[in-house]
Amino acid sequence: RIGMQPHLAPVRWSQTPNSPSEKYFDGSIGPTQVLRSNFIARGIDNDREAYDLENNYRVSASIIHGNLKAFPGDEWKGVAAYNVGQYGARIGRVPANNYVGTILAWRTAYAAALKPYE
């Protein structure tokens, strides 16, 4: 089952809860592209639970929250860390394709869209 990303360490992963685990490379999965190791750290070790939207977004939000706490007052690095990791952000790695600018622009657009409902 070791699949697509051989540059990443293998992790034990299952297709469904309580099914036998196999080795998979620690790739990003789901709509928010979370690494399997991040799911495992939060008690999820299978595709069914990782692809569940509630779990996927909850884990993603947890990662972002941790990143923003790791870089207080520096939203750019907090967002960049979601893409390049906290170490990468700390040493100045820059995500490709204006990733951080896009995410921060979306936040502004979402806030404006929700303003009438406050």
N, C-alpha and C. Protein backbone atom coordinates (compact mmCIF):
# COMPACT_ATOMS: atom_id res chain seq x y z
N ARG A 1 0.80 -1.21 0.00
CA ARG A 1 0.00 0.00 0.00
C ARG A 1 0.83 1.27 0.00
N ILE A 2 2.13 1.16 0.18
CA ILE A 2 2.94 2.38 0.17
C ILE A 2 2.76 3.00 -1.20
N GLY A 3 2.33 4.25 -1.19
CA GLY A 3 1.88 4.88 -2.42
C GLY A 3 2.75 6.00 -2.92
N MET A 4 2.17 7.14 -3.10
CA MET A 4 2.62 8.18 -3.98
C MET A 4 3.81 9.03 -3.53
N GLN A 5 4.11 9.15 -2.28
CA GLN A 5 5.07 10.15 -1.85
C GLN A 5 6.24 9.52 -1.08
N PRO A 6 7.15 8.86 -1.80
CA PRO A 6 8.22 8.12 -1.13
C PRO A 6 9.21 9.00 -0.36
N HIS A 7 9.19 10.31 -0.54
CA HIS A 7 10.09 11.19 0.22
C HIS A 7 9.58 11.42 1.64
N LEU A 8 8.37 10.95 1.95
CA LEU A 8 7.80 11.10 3.29
C LEU A 8 7.89 9.78 4.05
N ALA A 9 8.02 9.87 5.36
CA ALA A 9 8.15 8.67 6.19
C ALA A 9 6.87 7.84 6.14
N PRO A 10 6.98 6.53 6.28
CA PRO A 10 5.77 5.71 6.32
C PRO A 10 5.08 5.79 7.68
N VAL A 11 3.76 5.64 7.64
CA VAL A 11 2.94 5.58 8.85
C VAL A 11 2.01 4.37 8.73
N ARG A 12 1.48 3.92 9.86
CA ARG A 12 0.50 2.83 9.85
C ARG A 12 -0.88 3.45 9.65
N TRP A 13 -1.63 2.95 8.66
CA TRP A 13 -2.88 3.59 8.27
C TRP A 13 -3.85 2.52 7.79
N SER A 14 -5.16 2.77 7.99
CA SER A 14 -6.21 1.83 7.58
C SER A 14 -7.19 2.52 6.64
N GLN A 15 -7.96 1.71 5.93
CA GLN A 15 -9.02 2.25 5.09
C GLN A 15 -10.25 2.63 5.91
N THR A 16 -10.57 1.80 6.91
CA THR A 16 -11.74 2.02 7.74
C THR A 16 -11.36 1.80 9.21
N PRO A 17 -12.17 2.32 10.14
CA PRO A 17 -11.87 2.08 11.55
C PRO A 17 -11.84 0.58 11.84
N ASN A 18 -10.92 0.18 12.65
CA ASN A 18 -10.77 -1.21 13.09
C ASN A 18 -10.38 -2.21 12.00
N SER A 19 -10.04 -1.74 10.80
CA SER A 19 -9.53 -2.66 9.79
C SER A 19 -8.01 -2.73 9.93
N PRO A 20 -7.39 -3.79 9.41
CA PRO A 20 -5.94 -3.91 9.55
C PRO A 20 -5.21 -2.72 8.94
N SER A 21 -4.19 -2.25 9.64
CA SER A 21 -3.41 -1.13 9.11
C SER A 21 -2.28 -1.65 8.23
N GLU A 22 -1.86 -0.78 7.33
CA GLU A 22 -0.76 -1.07 6.43
C GLU A 22 0.16 0.15 6.42
N LYS A 23 1.34 0.00 5.84
CA LYS A 23 2.24 1.15 5.72
C LYS A 23 1.84 2.00 4.53
N TYR A 24 1.73 3.29 4.79
CA TYR A 24 1.48 4.29 3.77
C TYR A 24 2.51 5.39 3.96
N PHE A 25 2.91 6.03 2.87
CA PHE A 25 3.73 7.22 3.04
C PHE A 25 2.86 8.31 3.65
N ASP A 26 3.45 9.16 4.45
CA ASP A 26 2.74 10.20 5.19
C ASP A 26 2.33 11.33 4.26
N GLY A 27 1.40 11.08 3.37
CA GLY A 27 0.96 12.09 2.42
C GLY A 27 -0.23 12.89 2.93
N SER A 28 -0.52 13.95 2.22
CA SER A 28 -1.65 14.81 2.54
C SER A 28 -2.93 14.24 1.94
N ILE A 29 -4.00 14.24 2.74
CA ILE A 29 -5.27 13.69 2.25
C ILE A 29 -6.43 14.58 2.68
N GLY A 30 -7.55 14.42 2.00
CA GLY A 30 -8.77 15.13 2.34
C GLY A 30 -8.83 16.52 1.75
N PRO A 31 -9.98 17.17 1.91
CA PRO A 31 -10.16 18.49 1.30
C PRO A 31 -9.21 19.56 1.82
N THR A 32 -8.73 19.41 3.06
CA THR A 32 -7.81 20.42 3.60
C THR A 32 -6.36 19.95 3.54
N GLN A 33 -6.12 18.82 2.87
CA GLN A 33 -4.77 18.31 2.64
C GLN A 33 -3.93 18.24 3.91
N VAL A 34 -4.39 17.44 4.85
CA VAL A 34 -3.71 17.22 6.12
C VAL A 34 -2.85 15.97 6.02
N LEU A 35 -1.63 16.02 6.54
CA LEU A 35 -0.77 14.84 6.57
C LEU A 35 -1.36 13.76 7.47
N ARG A 36 -1.19 12.52 7.06
CA ARG A 36 -1.67 11.41 7.89
C ARG A 36 -1.11 11.49 9.31
N SER A 37 0.14 11.87 9.46
CA SER A 37 0.74 11.95 10.80
C SER A 37 0.01 12.96 11.68
N ASN A 38 -0.52 14.04 11.09
CA ASN A 38 -1.30 15.00 11.87
C ASN A 38 -2.63 14.41 12.31
N PHE A 39 -3.25 13.61 11.45
CA PHE A 39 -4.47 12.91 11.86
C PHE A 39 -4.15 11.93 12.99
N ILE A 40 -3.09 11.15 12.82
CA ILE A 40 -2.73 10.16 13.83
C ILE A 40 -2.49 10.84 15.18
N ALA A 41 -1.82 11.98 15.17
CA ALA A 41 -1.56 12.71 16.42
C ALA A 41 -2.85 13.14 17.11
N ARG A 42 -3.94 13.18 16.36
CA ARG A 42 -5.23 13.60 16.92
C ARG A 42 -6.23 12.44 16.98
N GLY A 43 -5.71 11.21 16.94
CA GLY A 43 -6.53 10.03 17.17
C GLY A 43 -7.26 9.47 15.97
N ILE A 44 -6.91 9.90 14.78
CA ILE A 44 -7.56 9.39 13.56
C ILE A 44 -6.51 8.64 12.76
N ASP A 45 -6.81 7.38 12.41
CA ASP A 45 -5.81 6.56 11.72
C ASP A 45 -6.37 5.82 10.51
N ASN A 46 -7.43 6.38 9.90
CA ASN A 46 -8.03 5.70 8.76
C ASN A 46 -8.69 6.69 7.81
N ASP A 47 -8.82 6.25 6.55
CA ASP A 47 -9.40 7.10 5.51
C ASP A 47 -10.82 7.55 5.82
N ARG A 48 -11.66 6.63 6.28
CA ARG A 48 -13.06 6.99 6.49
C ARG A 48 -13.19 8.18 7.44
N GLU A 49 -12.48 8.13 8.55
CA GLU A 49 -12.57 9.23 9.52
C GLU A 49 -11.83 10.47 9.04
N ALA A 50 -10.72 10.29 8.33
CA ALA A 50 -9.95 11.44 7.86
C ALA A 50 -10.69 12.22 6.78
N TYR A 51 -11.41 11.52 5.91
CA TYR A 51 -12.15 12.18 4.84
C TYR A 51 -13.50 12.72 5.30
N ASP A 52 -13.96 12.33 6.50
CA ASP A 52 -15.17 12.90 7.06
C ASP A 52 -14.96 14.40 7.21
N LEU A 53 -15.85 15.20 6.63
CA LEU A 53 -15.62 16.65 6.60
C LEU A 53 -15.48 17.26 7.98
N GLU A 54 -16.29 16.84 8.93
CA GLU A 54 -16.18 17.40 10.28
C GLU A 54 -14.79 17.14 10.87
N ASN A 55 -14.31 15.91 10.75
CA ASN A 55 -12.98 15.58 11.25
C ASN A 55 -11.90 16.32 10.48
N ASN A 56 -12.03 16.35 9.15
CA ASN A 56 -11.01 16.98 8.33
C ASN A 56 -10.86 18.45 8.67
N TYR A 57 -11.97 19.16 8.75
CA TYR A 57 -11.91 20.59 9.08
C TYR A 57 -11.48 20.83 10.52
N ARG A 58 -11.91 19.97 11.44
CA ARG A 58 -11.53 20.12 12.85
C ARG A 58 -10.01 19.99 13.02
N VAL A 59 -9.43 18.97 12.38
CA VAL A 59 -7.98 18.77 12.48
C VAL A 59 -7.25 19.93 11.81
N SER A 60 -7.73 20.35 10.67
CA SER A 60 -7.13 21.48 9.98
C SER A 60 -7.15 22.73 10.85
N ALA A 61 -8.29 23.01 11.47
CA ALA A 61 -8.40 24.18 12.36
C ALA A 61 -7.47 24.06 13.55
N SER A 62 -7.32 22.86 14.07
CA SER A 62 -6.40 22.62 15.20
C SER A 62 -4.96 22.93 14.79
N ILE A 63 -4.59 22.53 13.60
CA ILE A 63 -3.23 22.80 13.10
C ILE A 63 -3.02 24.30 12.94
N ILE A 64 -3.99 24.97 12.32
CA ILE A 64 -3.87 26.41 12.12
C ILE A 64 -3.80 27.14 13.47
N HIS A 65 -4.64 26.73 14.41
CA HIS A 65 -4.62 27.34 15.75
C HIS A 65 -3.23 27.20 16.38
N GLY A 66 -2.67 26.00 16.29
CA GLY A 66 -1.33 25.78 16.84
C GLY A 66 -0.27 26.61 16.14
N ASN A 67 -0.41 26.75 14.83
CA ASN A 67 0.56 27.55 14.07
C ASN A 67 0.48 29.03 14.46
N LEU A 68 -0.74 29.54 14.61
CA LEU A 68 -0.89 30.95 14.98
C LEU A 68 -0.35 31.20 16.39
N LYS A 69 -0.51 30.22 17.29
CA LYS A 69 0.06 30.35 18.64
C LYS A 69 1.59 30.29 18.60
N ALA A 70 2.13 29.51 17.66
CA ALA A 70 3.59 29.38 17.54
C ALA A 70 4.23 30.67 17.00
N PHE A 71 3.45 31.45 16.27
CA PHE A 71 3.95 32.71 15.69
C PHE A 71 3.04 33.86 16.10
N PRO A 72 2.99 34.19 17.39
CA PRO A 72 2.08 35.25 17.84
C PRO A 72 2.39 36.58 17.15
N GLY A 73 1.33 37.18 16.64
CA GLY A 73 1.49 38.47 15.98
C GLY A 73 2.00 38.38 14.55
N ASP A 74 2.23 37.19 14.04
CA ASP A 74 2.73 37.03 12.67
C ASP A 74 1.83 36.06 11.91
N GLU A 75 0.68 36.58 11.46
CA GLU A 75 -0.27 35.74 10.74
C GLU A 75 0.34 35.12 9.49
N TRP A 76 1.21 35.86 8.82
CA TRP A 76 1.81 35.34 7.59
C TRP A 76 2.53 34.02 7.88
N LYS A 77 3.38 34.00 8.91
CA LYS A 77 4.10 32.77 9.25
C LYS A 77 3.15 31.70 9.76
N GLY A 78 2.11 32.09 10.50
CA GLY A 78 1.14 31.13 10.99
C GLY A 78 0.44 30.41 9.86
N VAL A 79 0.09 31.14 8.83
CA VAL A 79 -0.55 30.53 7.66
C VAL A 79 0.47 29.76 6.83
N ALA A 80 1.65 30.33 6.65
CA ALA A 80 2.69 29.64 5.87
C ALA A 80 3.02 28.29 6.48
N ALA A 81 3.01 28.21 7.81
CA ALA A 81 3.36 26.96 8.49
C ALA A 81 2.40 25.83 8.15
N TYR A 82 1.18 26.14 7.79
CA TYR A 82 0.23 25.09 7.38
C TYR A 82 0.74 24.39 6.13
N ASN A 83 1.44 25.14 5.30
CA ASN A 83 1.93 24.61 4.03
C ASN A 83 3.35 24.08 4.11
N VAL A 84 4.23 24.77 4.83
CA VAL A 84 5.65 24.39 4.86
C VAL A 84 6.10 23.88 6.22
N GLY A 85 5.17 23.77 7.18
CA GLY A 85 5.51 23.33 8.53
C GLY A 85 6.06 24.47 9.37
N GLN A 86 5.98 24.31 10.68
CA GLN A 86 6.47 25.38 11.56
C GLN A 86 7.96 25.60 11.40
N TYR A 87 8.72 24.52 11.26
CA TYR A 87 10.16 24.69 11.06
C TYR A 87 10.42 25.44 9.76
N GLY A 88 9.74 25.06 8.70
CA GLY A 88 9.92 25.74 7.41
C GLY A 88 9.60 27.22 7.50
N ALA A 89 8.51 27.55 8.18
CA ALA A 89 8.14 28.96 8.35
C ALA A 89 9.17 29.69 9.18
N ARG A 90 9.68 29.01 10.22
CA ARG A 90 10.66 29.62 11.12
C ARG A 90 11.96 29.97 10.37
N ILE A 91 12.36 29.12 9.42
CA ILE A 91 13.61 29.38 8.69
C ILE A 91 13.39 30.19 7.41
N GLY A 92 12.13 30.61 7.17
CA GLY A 92 11.86 31.51 6.06
C GLY A 92 11.43 30.86 4.75
N ARG A 93 11.07 29.58 4.78
CA ARG A 93 10.55 28.97 3.55
C ARG A 93 9.27 29.67 3.16
N VAL A 94 9.11 29.88 1.87
CA VAL A 94 7.94 30.58 1.35
C VAL A 94 7.11 29.59 0.53
N PRO A 95 5.84 29.41 0.89
CA PRO A 95 4.99 28.53 0.10
C PRO A 95 4.85 29.04 -1.34
N ALA A 96 4.69 28.13 -2.26
CA ALA A 96 4.58 28.47 -3.69
C ALA A 96 3.23 29.12 -4.01
N ASN A 97 3.18 29.76 -5.14
CA ASN A 97 1.94 30.26 -5.76
C ASN A 97 1.15 31.22 -4.88
N ASN A 98 1.83 32.08 -4.16
CA ASN A 98 1.17 33.07 -3.31
C ASN A 98 0.16 32.43 -2.35
N TYR A 99 0.50 31.25 -1.83
CA TYR A 99 -0.39 30.50 -0.94
C TYR A 99 -0.88 31.37 0.21
N VAL A 100 0.02 32.01 0.92
CA VAL A 100 -0.36 32.79 2.10
C VAL A 100 -1.23 33.97 1.71
N GLY A 101 -0.86 34.67 0.67
CA GLY A 101 -1.67 35.81 0.22
C GLY A 101 -3.08 35.40 -0.16
N THR A 102 -3.20 34.26 -0.80
CA THR A 102 -4.52 33.76 -1.20
C THR A 102 -5.36 33.43 0.03
N ILE A 103 -4.79 32.72 0.99
CA ILE A 103 -5.53 32.35 2.20
C ILE A 103 -5.96 33.60 2.97
N LEU A 104 -5.06 34.57 3.12
CA LEU A 104 -5.42 35.78 3.86
C LEU A 104 -6.46 36.60 3.10
N ALA A 105 -6.42 36.60 1.78
CA ALA A 105 -7.44 37.29 0.99
C ALA A 105 -8.80 36.60 1.15
N TRP A 106 -8.80 35.28 1.17
CA TRP A 106 -10.06 34.54 1.39
C TRP A 106 -10.65 34.90 2.75
N ARG A 107 -9.78 34.97 3.77
CA ARG A 107 -10.27 35.34 5.10
C ARG A 107 -10.96 36.69 5.07
N THR A 108 -10.36 37.66 4.39
CA THR A 108 -10.95 38.99 4.29
C THR A 108 -12.29 38.94 3.56
N ALA A 109 -12.34 38.18 2.47
CA ALA A 109 -13.59 38.05 1.70
C ALA A 109 -14.68 37.36 2.52
N TYR A 110 -14.32 36.31 3.26
CA TYR A 110 -15.30 35.62 4.09
C TYR A 110 -15.82 36.54 5.20
N ALA A 111 -14.92 37.29 5.80
CA ALA A 111 -15.34 38.22 6.87
C ALA A 111 -16.32 39.25 6.33
N ALA A 112 -16.04 39.76 5.13
CA ALA A 112 -16.93 40.75 4.52
C ALA A 112 -18.29 40.12 4.19
N ALA A 113 -18.27 38.89 3.71
CA ALA A 113 -19.52 38.21 3.38
C ALA A 113 -20.38 37.92 4.61
N LEU A 114 -19.72 37.68 5.74
CA LEU A 114 -20.45 37.36 6.98
C LEU A 114 -20.85 38.60 7.77
N LYS A 115 -20.29 39.75 7.44
CA LYS A 115 -20.53 40.98 8.19
C LYS A 115 -22.02 41.29 8.37
N PRO A 116 -22.86 41.13 7.33
CA PRO A 116 -24.28 41.45 7.52
C PRO A 116 -24.99 40.55 8.54
N TYR A 117 -24.40 39.41 8.87
CA TYR A 117 -25.04 38.47 9.77
C TYR A 117 -24.56 38.59 11.21
N GLU A 118 -23.67 39.54 11.47
CA GLU A 118 -23.16 39.72 12.85
C GLU A 118 -24.21 40.35 13.74
